[in-house]
Amino acid sequence: MLEVRSIRKTFHAGTPNEVRALQGVDLNLDEGSFVIIIGTNGSGKSTLLNAVAGTFFVDQGSIHLDGKDVTQWSEHRRAAMIGRVFQNPFSGTAPNLSIAENLALAARRGRPRGLGWALPARRHVEMRDAVARLNMGLEERLLNAIGSLSGGQRQALTLLMATWLKATLLLLDEHTAALDPKSADQVIRLSEEVIARDKLTALMVTHSMHQAASLGDRLIMMHRGRVIHDFRGAEKRRLRVDDLLARFEDVRRADQLDETAAELLARSYV
């Protein structure tokens, strides 16, 4: 369903600030899978999601989605197939527009947008029912500006917007990292519900070891722009938080050994 083949992305190439963000990443997702991505800061997790979403074009490699080669598609064109929820609760929405108007925009994802046609009375009934399923009492506030809501409420609505049209692929980019624990738990529960209910294919980046161990049917660990572990099936189900922390410790130790070896090599030329 999603095929990422040997993609590479370097930022600021040839300068002192060069960053090799993706270094030959291969990833295949089956339809209906829920894949979690973890890794240290700078490992390439969010860069991978940006590459899939079309935020930038990759330097090398290809991206196929639902049998279509989308490598050279713009982000806007890919948006017709991809729903996304960002880390910042204030991203992905128009804060000065009402809840209803934001949902109307979501219904036009990937198409030319306009509000004039989108808000007849019958649409409010549909929106009210969908918002009521969030169990936040927001169905009574459809005309309120979405910018007036709390971070948790806004992120729940962003999730609803991202899945208003059934997405071929749902991208969740650390979408609970900026929330308080109670709101984060609520948004995670809603995420699990919508993914299971609509049988969505989802790719979720997280820093939470608890989320990584308990969610999804597959877990990918990235480091320095590469996939270094890929757990699935029974192996994924057996993973615990302590197992993941041990893997991170192994990565840290390997990095220290690499740095020590590089330092010794440098000294040998002095």
C-alpha atoms as a PDB file:
ATOM      1  CA  MET A   1       0.000   0.000   0.000  1.00  0.00           C
ATOM      2  CA  LEU A   2       2.877   2.335   0.908  1.00  0.00           C
ATOM      3  CA  GLU A   3       6.230   1.527  -0.678  1.00  0.00           C
ATOM      4  CA  VAL A   4       9.224   3.664   0.229  1.00  0.00           C
ATOM      5  CA  ARG A   5      12.273   2.606  -1.741  1.00  0.00           C
ATOM      6  CA  SER A   6      15.818   3.689  -0.901  1.00  0.00           C
ATOM      7  CA  ILE A   7      14.916   7.315  -0.220  1.00  0.00           C
ATOM      8  CA  ARG A   8      17.608   9.815   0.657  1.00  0.00           C
ATOM      9  CA  LYS A   9      17.381  13.409   1.788  1.00  0.00           C
ATOM     10  CA  THR A  10      20.238  15.769   2.663  1.00  0.00           C
ATOM     11  CA  PHE A  11      19.630  19.287   3.914  1.00  0.00           C
ATOM     12  CA  HIS A  12      22.200  22.093   3.359  1.00  0.00           C
ATOM     13  CA  ALA A  13      24.343  19.772   1.232  1.00  0.00           C
ATOM     14  CA  GLY A  14      27.974  20.802   0.857  1.00  0.00           C
ATOM     15  CA  THR A  15      27.882  23.264   3.753  1.00  0.00           C
ATOM     16  CA  PRO A  16      29.124  23.019   7.366  1.00  0.00           C
ATOM     17  CA  ASN A  17      25.454  22.565   8.348  1.00  0.00           C
ATOM     18  CA  GLU A  18      24.916  19.522   6.118  1.00  0.00           C
ATOM     19  CA  VAL A  19      22.436  17.026   7.584  1.00  0.00           C
ATOM     20  CA  ARG A  20      21.956  13.601   6.027  1.00  0.00           C
ATOM     21  CA  ALA A  21      18.427  13.176   7.322  1.00  0.00           C
ATOM     22  CA  LEU A  22      17.455  10.045   5.380  1.00  0.00           C
ATOM     23  CA  GLN A  23      20.058   7.585   4.197  1.00  0.00           C
ATOM     24  CA  GLY A  24      18.514   4.893   2.029  1.00  0.00           C
ATOM     25  CA  VAL A  25      15.261   4.190   3.886  1.00  0.00           C
ATOM     26  CA  ASP A  26      13.146   1.255   2.684  1.00  0.00           C
ATOM     27  CA  LEU A  27       9.669   0.741   4.110  1.00  0.00           C
ATOM     28  CA  ASN A  28       6.631  -1.244   2.954  1.00  0.00           C
ATOM     29  CA  LEU A  29       3.273  -0.898   4.705  1.00  0.00           C
ATOM     30  CA  ASP A  30       0.430  -3.325   4.149  1.00  0.00           C
ATOM     31  CA  GLU A  31      -3.105  -1.978   3.939  1.00  0.00           C
ATOM     32  CA  GLY A  32      -4.700  -1.716   7.377  1.00  0.00           C
ATOM     33  CA  SER A  33      -1.414  -1.798   9.306  1.00  0.00           C
ATOM     34  CA  PHE A  34      -0.723   0.546  12.231  1.00  0.00           C
ATOM     35  CA  VAL A  35       3.018   1.233  12.375  1.00  0.00           C
ATOM     36  CA  ILE A  36       4.808   3.098  15.165  1.00  0.00           C
ATOM     37  CA  ILE A  37       8.135   4.884  14.555  1.00  0.00           C
ATOM     38  CA  ILE A  38      10.538   5.719  17.377  1.00  0.00           C
ATOM     39  CA  GLY A  39      14.086   7.027  17.512  1.00  0.00           C
ATOM     40  CA  THR A  40      16.346   9.600  19.131  1.00  0.00           C
ATOM     41  CA  ASN A  41      16.178  13.282  18.199  1.00  0.00           C
ATOM     42  CA  GLY A  42      17.485  13.740  14.681  1.00  0.00           C
ATOM     43  CA  SER A  43      16.996  10.078  13.766  1.00  0.00           C
ATOM     44  CA  GLY A  44      14.805  10.940  10.763  1.00  0.00           C
ATOM     45  CA  LYS A  45      11.366  10.046  12.122  1.00  0.00           C
ATOM     46  CA  SER A  46       9.500  13.237  11.232  1.00  0.00           C
ATOM     47  CA  THR A  47      11.646  13.694   8.120  1.00  0.00           C
ATOM     48  CA  LEU A  48      10.339  10.353   6.871  1.00  0.00           C
ATOM     49  CA  LEU A  49       6.736  11.471   7.428  1.00  0.00           C
ATOM     50  CA  ASN A  50       7.460  14.773   5.659  1.00  0.00           C
ATOM     51  CA  ALA A  51       8.941  12.877   2.715  1.00  0.00           C
ATOM     52  CA  VAL A  52       5.843  10.686   2.454  1.00  0.00           C
ATOM     53  CA  ALA A  53       3.530  13.701   2.776  1.00  0.00           C
ATOM     54  CA  GLY A  54       5.395  15.634   0.078  1.00  0.00           C
ATOM     55  CA  THR A  55       6.590  18.483   2.294  1.00  0.00           C
ATOM     56  CA  PHE A  56       9.753  18.277   0.196  1.00  0.00           C
ATOM     57  CA  PHE A  57      10.983  16.065  -2.642  1.00  0.00           C
ATOM     58  CA  VAL A  58      13.519  13.365  -1.801  1.00  0.00           C
ATOM     59  CA  ASP A  59      16.973  13.502  -3.396  1.00  0.00           C
ATOM     60  CA  GLN A  60      16.903   9.844  -4.410  1.00  0.00           C
ATOM     61  CA  GLY A  61      14.522   6.906  -4.259  1.00  0.00           C
ATOM     62  CA  SER A  62      10.797   6.596  -4.828  1.00  0.00           C
ATOM     63  CA  ILE A  63       7.496   6.669  -2.933  1.00  0.00           C
ATOM     64  CA  HIS A  64       4.460   4.700  -4.082  1.00  0.00           C
ATOM     65  CA  LEU A  65       1.064   5.058  -2.436  1.00  0.00           C
ATOM     66  CA  ASP A  66      -1.850   2.781  -3.282  1.00  0.00           C
ATOM     67  CA  GLY A  67      -0.079   1.694  -6.451  1.00  0.00           C
ATOM     68  CA  LYS A  68       0.648   5.240  -7.639  1.00  0.00           C
ATOM     69  CA  ASP A  69       4.124   6.727  -7.955  1.00  0.00           C
ATOM     70  CA  VAL A  70       3.741   9.935  -5.920  1.00  0.00           C
ATOM     71  CA  THR A  71       7.463  10.758  -5.722  1.00  0.00           C
ATOM     72  CA  GLN A  72       7.063  13.923  -7.776  1.00  0.00           C
ATOM     73  CA  TRP A  73       3.560  14.813  -6.598  1.00  0.00           C
ATOM     74  CA  SER A  74       3.117  18.066  -4.682  1.00  0.00           C
ATOM     75  CA  GLU A  75       2.051  18.033  -1.047  1.00  0.00           C
ATOM     76  CA  HIS A  76      -1.345  19.411  -2.056  1.00  0.00           C
ATOM     77  CA  ARG A  77      -1.907  16.641  -4.574  1.00  0.00           C
ATOM     78  CA  ARG A  78      -0.896  13.948  -2.069  1.00  0.00           C
ATOM     79  CA  ALA A  79      -3.280  15.488   0.488  1.00  0.00           C
ATOM     80  CA  ALA A  80      -6.192  13.936  -1.407  1.00  0.00           C
ATOM     81  CA  MET A  81      -4.889  10.554  -0.194  1.00  0.00           C
ATOM     82  CA  ILE A  82      -3.138  11.452   3.063  1.00  0.00           C
ATOM     83  CA  GLY A  83      -4.563  12.699   6.352  1.00  0.00           C
ATOM     84  CA  ARG A  84      -2.138  14.179   8.853  1.00  0.00           C
ATOM     85  CA  VAL A  85      -2.090  15.346  12.467  1.00  0.00           C
ATOM     86  CA  PHE A  86       0.901  17.403  13.607  1.00  0.00           C
ATOM     87  CA  GLN A  87       2.576  17.774  17.004  1.00  0.00           C
ATOM     88  CA  ASN A  88       1.422  21.363  17.465  1.00  0.00           C
ATOM     89  CA  PRO A  89      -2.315  21.520  18.257  1.00  0.00           C
ATOM     90  CA  PHE A  90      -2.401  24.852  16.409  1.00  0.00           C
ATOM     91  CA  SER A  91      -1.195  23.320  13.134  1.00  0.00           C
ATOM     92  CA  GLY A  92      -3.548  21.916  10.553  1.00  0.00           C
ATOM     93  CA  THR A  93      -6.487  24.177  11.417  1.00  0.00           C
ATOM     94  CA  ALA A  94      -7.656  27.715  10.703  1.00  0.00           C
ATOM     95  CA  PRO A  95      -7.906  29.198  14.234  1.00  0.00           C
ATOM     96  CA  ASN A  96     -10.180  32.103  13.324  1.00  0.00           C
ATOM     97  CA  LEU A  97     -12.726  29.888  11.596  1.00  0.00           C
ATOM     98  CA  SER A  98     -15.411  27.957  13.434  1.00  0.00           C
ATOM     99  CA  ILE A  99     -15.352  24.223  14.124  1.00  0.00           C
ATOM    100  CA  ALA A 100     -17.943  23.758  11.371  1.00  0.00           C
ATOM    101  CA  GLU A 101     -15.934  25.793   8.859  1.00  0.00           C
ATOM    102  CA  ASN A 102     -12.775  23.840   9.632  1.00  0.00           C
ATOM    103  CA  LEU A 103     -14.637  20.569   9.098  1.00  0.00           C
ATOM    104  CA  ALA A 104     -15.961  21.942   5.811  1.00  0.00           C
ATOM    105  CA  LEU A 105     -12.377  22.588   4.726  1.00  0.00           C
ATOM    106  CA  ALA A 106     -11.466  19.032   5.707  1.00  0.00           C
ATOM    107  CA  ALA A 107     -14.234  17.748   3.454  1.00  0.00           C
ATOM    108  CA  ARG A 108     -12.434  19.444   0.544  1.00  0.00           C
ATOM    109  CA  ARG A 109      -9.013  17.971   1.315  1.00  0.00           C
ATOM    110  CA  GLY A 110      -6.880  17.829  -1.803  1.00  0.00           C
ATOM    111  CA  ARG A 111      -9.380  19.835  -3.883  1.00  0.00           C
ATOM    112  CA  PRO A 112      -9.905  23.538  -4.617  1.00  0.00           C
ATOM    113  CA  ARG A 113     -11.320  25.090  -1.448  1.00  0.00           C
ATOM    114  CA  GLY A 114     -14.271  27.360  -0.890  1.00  0.00           C
ATOM    115  CA  LEU A 115     -16.692  27.864   1.969  1.00  0.00           C
ATOM    116  CA  GLY A 116     -19.761  29.259   0.269  1.00  0.00           C
ATOM    117  CA  TRP A 117     -21.221  25.925  -0.758  1.00  0.00           C
ATOM    118  CA  ALA A 118     -19.972  23.907   2.165  1.00  0.00           C
ATOM    119  CA  LEU A 119     -22.194  24.861   5.093  1.00  0.00           C
ATOM    120  CA  PRO A 120     -25.856  24.154   4.302  1.00  0.00           C
ATOM    121  CA  ALA A 121     -28.039  23.193   7.265  1.00  0.00           C
ATOM    122  CA  ARG A 122     -27.934  19.483   6.443  1.00  0.00           C
ATOM    123  CA  ARG A 123     -24.157  19.489   6.836  1.00  0.00           C
ATOM    124  CA  HIS A 124     -24.465  20.736  10.403  1.00  0.00           C
ATOM    125  CA  VAL A 125     -26.375  17.576  11.357  1.00  0.00           C
ATOM    126  CA  GLU A 126     -23.600  15.398   9.946  1.00  0.00           C
ATOM    127  CA  MET A 127     -20.932  17.482  11.675  1.00  0.00           C
ATOM    128  CA  ARG A 128     -22.798  17.502  14.973  1.00  0.00           C
ATOM    129  CA  ASP A 129     -23.052  13.699  14.991  1.00  0.00           C
ATOM    130  CA  ALA A 130     -19.362  13.271  14.143  1.00  0.00           C
ATOM    131  CA  VAL A 131     -18.193  15.789  16.766  1.00  0.00           C
ATOM    132  CA  ALA A 132     -20.488  14.223  19.393  1.00  0.00           C
ATOM    133  CA  ARG A 133     -18.553  10.955  19.037  1.00  0.00           C
ATOM    134  CA  LEU A 134     -15.511  12.739  20.500  1.00  0.00           C
ATOM    135  CA  ASN A 135     -17.378  12.912  23.850  1.00  0.00           C
ATOM    136  CA  MET A 136     -16.100  16.414  24.561  1.00  0.00           C
ATOM    137  CA  GLY A 137     -19.382  18.324  24.379  1.00  0.00           C
ATOM    138  CA  LEU A 138     -18.153  20.232  21.330  1.00  0.00           C
ATOM    139  CA  GLU A 139     -21.237  19.397  19.282  1.00  0.00           C
ATOM    140  CA  GLU A 140     -22.885  22.355  21.030  1.00  0.00           C
ATOM    141  CA  ARG A 141     -20.058  24.679  19.938  1.00  0.00           C
ATOM    142  CA  LEU A 142     -19.862  24.152  16.183  1.00  0.00           C
ATOM    143  CA  LEU A 143     -19.967  27.898  15.559  1.00  0.00           C
ATOM    144  CA  ASN A 144     -17.151  28.662  18.029  1.00  0.00           C
ATOM    145  CA  ALA A 145     -13.748  29.583  16.641  1.00  0.00           C
ATOM    146  CA  ILE A 146     -11.497  26.547  16.829  1.00  0.00           C
ATOM    147  CA  GLY A 147      -8.704  28.768  18.172  1.00  0.00           C
ATOM    148  CA  SER A 148     -10.703  29.269  21.387  1.00  0.00           C
ATOM    149  CA  LEU A 149     -10.450  25.585  22.346  1.00  0.00           C
ATOM    150  CA  SER A 150      -7.945  23.799  24.550  1.00  0.00           C
ATOM    151  CA  GLY A 151      -5.024  21.931  23.015  1.00  0.00           C
ATOM    152  CA  GLY A 152      -6.621  18.539  23.649  1.00  0.00           C
ATOM    153  CA  GLN A 153      -9.959  19.584  22.145  1.00  0.00           C
ATOM    154  CA  ARG A 154      -8.249  21.083  19.146  1.00  0.00           C
ATOM    155  CA  GLN A 155      -6.075  18.016  18.558  1.00  0.00           C
ATOM    156  CA  ALA A 156      -9.130  15.741  18.762  1.00  0.00           C
ATOM    157  CA  LEU A 157     -10.839  17.887  16.139  1.00  0.00           C
ATOM    158  CA  THR A 158      -7.704  17.864  13.986  1.00  0.00           C
ATOM    159  CA  LEU A 159      -7.804  14.062  14.105  1.00  0.00           C
ATOM    160  CA  LEU A 160     -11.452  14.194  13.046  1.00  0.00           C
ATOM    161  CA  MET A 161     -10.564  16.549  10.192  1.00  0.00           C
ATOM    162  CA  ALA A 162      -7.693  14.324   9.044  1.00  0.00           C
ATOM    163  CA  THR A 163     -10.035  11.341   8.830  1.00  0.00           C
ATOM    164  CA  TRP A 164     -13.225  13.102   7.687  1.00  0.00           C
ATOM    165  CA  LEU A 165     -12.563  11.711   4.238  1.00  0.00           C
ATOM    166  CA  LYS A 166     -11.222   8.182   4.597  1.00  0.00           C
ATOM    167  CA  ALA A 167      -7.512   8.607   4.059  1.00  0.00           C
ATOM    168  CA  THR A 168      -5.455   6.101   2.126  1.00  0.00           C
ATOM    169  CA  LEU A 169      -2.773   6.805   4.733  1.00  0.00           C
ATOM    170  CA  LEU A 170      -2.973   8.563   8.105  1.00  0.00           C
ATOM    171  CA  LEU A 171       0.190  10.249   9.410  1.00  0.00           C
ATOM    172  CA  LEU A 172       0.397  11.027  13.138  1.00  0.00           C
ATOM    173  CA  ASP A 173       3.493  13.099  13.885  1.00  0.00           C
ATOM    174  CA  GLU A 174       4.018  13.090  17.674  1.00  0.00           C
ATOM    175  CA  HIS A 175       0.439  14.330  17.848  1.00  0.00           C
ATOM    176  CA  THR A 176       0.186  14.062  21.656  1.00  0.00           C
ATOM    177  CA  ALA A 177       3.661  15.392  22.579  1.00  0.00           C
ATOM    178  CA  ALA A 178       2.451  18.930  23.341  1.00  0.00           C
ATOM    179  CA  LEU A 179      -0.565  17.828  25.419  1.00  0.00           C
ATOM    180  CA  ASP A 180      -0.987  17.278  29.144  1.00  0.00           C
ATOM    181  CA  PRO A 181      -1.131  13.583  30.154  1.00  0.00           C
ATOM    182  CA  LYS A 182      -4.930  13.438  30.469  1.00  0.00           C
ATOM    183  CA  SER A 183      -5.511  15.067  27.069  1.00  0.00           C
ATOM    184  CA  ALA A 184      -2.803  12.899  25.503  1.00  0.00           C
ATOM    185  CA  ASP A 185      -4.494   9.737  26.756  1.00  0.00           C
ATOM    186  CA  GLN A 186      -7.829  10.937  25.397  1.00  0.00           C
ATOM    187  CA  VAL A 187      -6.410  11.731  21.955  1.00  0.00           C
ATOM    188  CA  ILE A 188      -4.586   8.384  21.825  1.00  0.00           C
ATOM    189  CA  ARG A 189      -7.824   6.576  22.665  1.00  0.00           C
ATOM    190  CA  LEU A 190      -9.625   8.461  19.901  1.00  0.00           C
ATOM    191  CA  SER A 191      -6.796   7.661  17.492  1.00  0.00           C
ATOM    192  CA  GLU A 192      -7.045   3.936  18.236  1.00  0.00           C
ATOM    193  CA  GLU A 193     -10.825   4.044  17.821  1.00  0.00           C
ATOM    194  CA  VAL A 194     -10.842   5.789  14.450  1.00  0.00           C
ATOM    195  CA  ILE A 195      -8.011   3.652  13.045  1.00  0.00           C
ATOM    196  CA  ALA A 196      -9.801   0.443  14.075  1.00  0.00           C
ATOM    197  CA  ARG A 197     -13.286   1.630  13.089  1.00  0.00           C
ATOM    198  CA  ASP A 198     -12.339   2.892   9.638  1.00  0.00           C
ATOM    199  CA  LYS A 199      -9.663   0.221   9.056  1.00  0.00           C
ATOM    200  CA  LEU A 200      -7.082   2.903   8.302  1.00  0.00           C
ATOM    201  CA  THR A 201      -3.445   2.420   7.430  1.00  0.00           C
ATOM    202  CA  ALA A 202      -1.498   4.573   9.884  1.00  0.00           C
ATOM    203  CA  LEU A 203       2.086   5.669  10.461  1.00  0.00           C
ATOM    204  CA  MET A 204       2.676   7.245  13.880  1.00  0.00           C
ATOM    205  CA  VAL A 205       5.816   8.909  15.254  1.00  0.00           C
ATOM    206  CA  THR A 206       6.143   9.075  19.032  1.00  0.00           C
ATOM    207  CA  HIS A 207       8.694   9.724  21.768  1.00  0.00           C
ATOM    208  CA  SER A 208       6.560   7.864  24.322  1.00  0.00           C
ATOM    209  CA  MET A 209       7.930   4.406  25.090  1.00  0.00           C
ATOM    210  CA  HIS A 210       4.577   3.449  26.619  1.00  0.00           C
ATOM    211  CA  GLN A 211       2.763   4.346  23.392  1.00  0.00           C
ATOM    212  CA  ALA A 212       5.415   2.585  21.311  1.00  0.00           C
ATOM    213  CA  ALA A 213       5.080  -0.632  23.307  1.00  0.00           C
ATOM    214  CA  SER A 214       1.293  -0.684  23.586  1.00  0.00           C
ATOM    215  CA  LEU A 215       0.080   0.665  20.229  1.00  0.00           C
ATOM    216  CA  GLY A 216       0.132  -0.654  16.699  1.00  0.00           C
ATOM    217  CA  ASP A 217       0.991  -3.984  15.118  1.00  0.00           C
ATOM    218  CA  ARG A 218       4.513  -3.049  14.043  1.00  0.00           C
ATOM    219  CA  LEU A 219       7.343  -0.942  15.463  1.00  0.00           C
ATOM    220  CA  ILE A 220      10.212   0.664  13.572  1.00  0.00           C
ATOM    221  CA  MET A 221      13.256   2.201  15.265  1.00  0.00           C
ATOM    222  CA  MET A 222      15.285   4.762  13.330  1.00  0.00           C
ATOM    223  CA  HIS A 223      18.765   6.126  13.941  1.00  0.00           C
ATOM    224  CA  ARG A 224      20.862   8.519  11.876  1.00  0.00           C
ATOM    225  CA  GLY A 225      18.452   8.431   8.959  1.00  0.00           C
ATOM    226  CA  ARG A 226      18.203   4.655   8.763  1.00  0.00           C
ATOM    227  CA  VAL A 227      15.830   1.935   9.959  1.00  0.00           C
ATOM    228  CA  ILE A 228      17.794  -0.129  12.494  1.00  0.00           C
ATOM    229  CA  HIS A 229      15.012  -2.328  13.947  1.00  0.00           C
ATOM    230  CA  ASP A 230      11.685  -3.549  12.580  1.00  0.00           C
ATOM    231  CA  PHE A 231       9.470  -5.465  15.011  1.00  0.00           C
ATOM    232  CA  ARG A 232       6.195  -7.005  13.867  1.00  0.00           C
ATOM    233  CA  GLY A 233       3.741  -9.757  14.735  1.00  0.00           C
ATOM    234  CA  ALA A 234       4.451 -11.754  17.888  1.00  0.00           C
ATOM    235  CA  GLU A 235       7.798 -10.000  18.336  1.00  0.00           C
ATOM    236  CA  LYS A 236       6.042  -6.622  18.497  1.00  0.00           C
ATOM    237  CA  ARG A 237       3.393  -7.910  20.896  1.00  0.00           C
ATOM    238  CA  ARG A 238       6.080  -9.154  23.292  1.00  0.00           C
ATOM    239  CA  LEU A 239       7.877  -5.811  23.438  1.00  0.00           C
ATOM    240  CA  ARG A 240       7.823  -3.959  26.737  1.00  0.00           C
ATOM    241  CA  VAL A 241       9.007  -0.481  27.703  1.00  0.00           C
ATOM    242  CA  ASP A 242      12.140  -1.927  29.324  1.00  0.00           C
ATOM    243  CA  ASP A 243      12.992  -3.716  26.069  1.00  0.00           C
ATOM    244  CA  LEU A 244      12.804  -0.467  24.132  1.00  0.00           C
ATOM    245  CA  LEU A 245      14.873   1.414  26.690  1.00  0.00           C
ATOM    246  CA  ALA A 246      17.515  -1.308  26.420  1.00  0.00           C
ATOM    247  CA  ARG A 247      17.581  -0.873  22.639  1.00  0.00           C
ATOM    248  CA  PHE A 248      18.111   2.864  23.044  1.00  0.00           C
ATOM    249  CA  GLU A 249      20.936   2.182  25.491  1.00  0.00           C
ATOM    250  CA  ASP A 250      22.559  -0.113  22.921  1.00  0.00           C
ATOM    251  CA  VAL A 251      22.361   2.691  20.341  1.00  0.00           C
ATOM    252  CA  ARG A 252      23.883   5.176  22.801  1.00  0.00           C
ATOM    253  CA  ARG A 253      26.780   2.843  23.557  1.00  0.00           C
ATOM    254  CA  ALA A 254      27.404   2.180  19.864  1.00  0.00           C
ATOM    255  CA  ASP A 255      27.522   5.929  19.237  1.00  0.00           C
ATOM    256  CA  GLN A 256      30.028   6.367  22.043  1.00  0.00           C
ATOM    257  CA  LEU A 257      32.229   3.612  20.573  1.00  0.00           C
ATOM    258  CA  ASP A 258      32.035   5.241  17.148  1.00  0.00           C
ATOM    259  CA  GLU A 259      33.056   8.592  18.601  1.00  0.00           C
ATOM    260  CA  THR A 260      35.926   7.010  20.534  1.00  0.00           C
ATOM    261  CA  ALA A 261      37.164   5.162  17.450  1.00  0.00           C
ATOM    262  CA  ALA A 262      37.002   8.335  15.377  1.00  0.00           C
ATOM    263  CA  GLU A 263      38.931  10.246  18.036  1.00  0.00           C
ATOM    264  CA  LEU A 264      41.638   7.560  18.188  1.00  0.00           C
ATOM    265  CA  LEU A 265      41.901   7.519  14.406  1.00  0.00           C
ATOM    266  CA  ALA A 266      42.272  11.293  14.339  1.00  0.00           C
ATOM    267  CA  ARG A 267      45.024  11.159  16.949  1.00  0.00           C
ATOM    268  CA  SER A 268      46.933   8.554  14.942  1.00  0.00           C
ATOM    269  CA  TYR A 269      47.433  11.149  12.196  1.00  0.00           C
ATOM    270  CA  VAL A 270      48.770  13.822  14.526  1.00  0.00           C
END
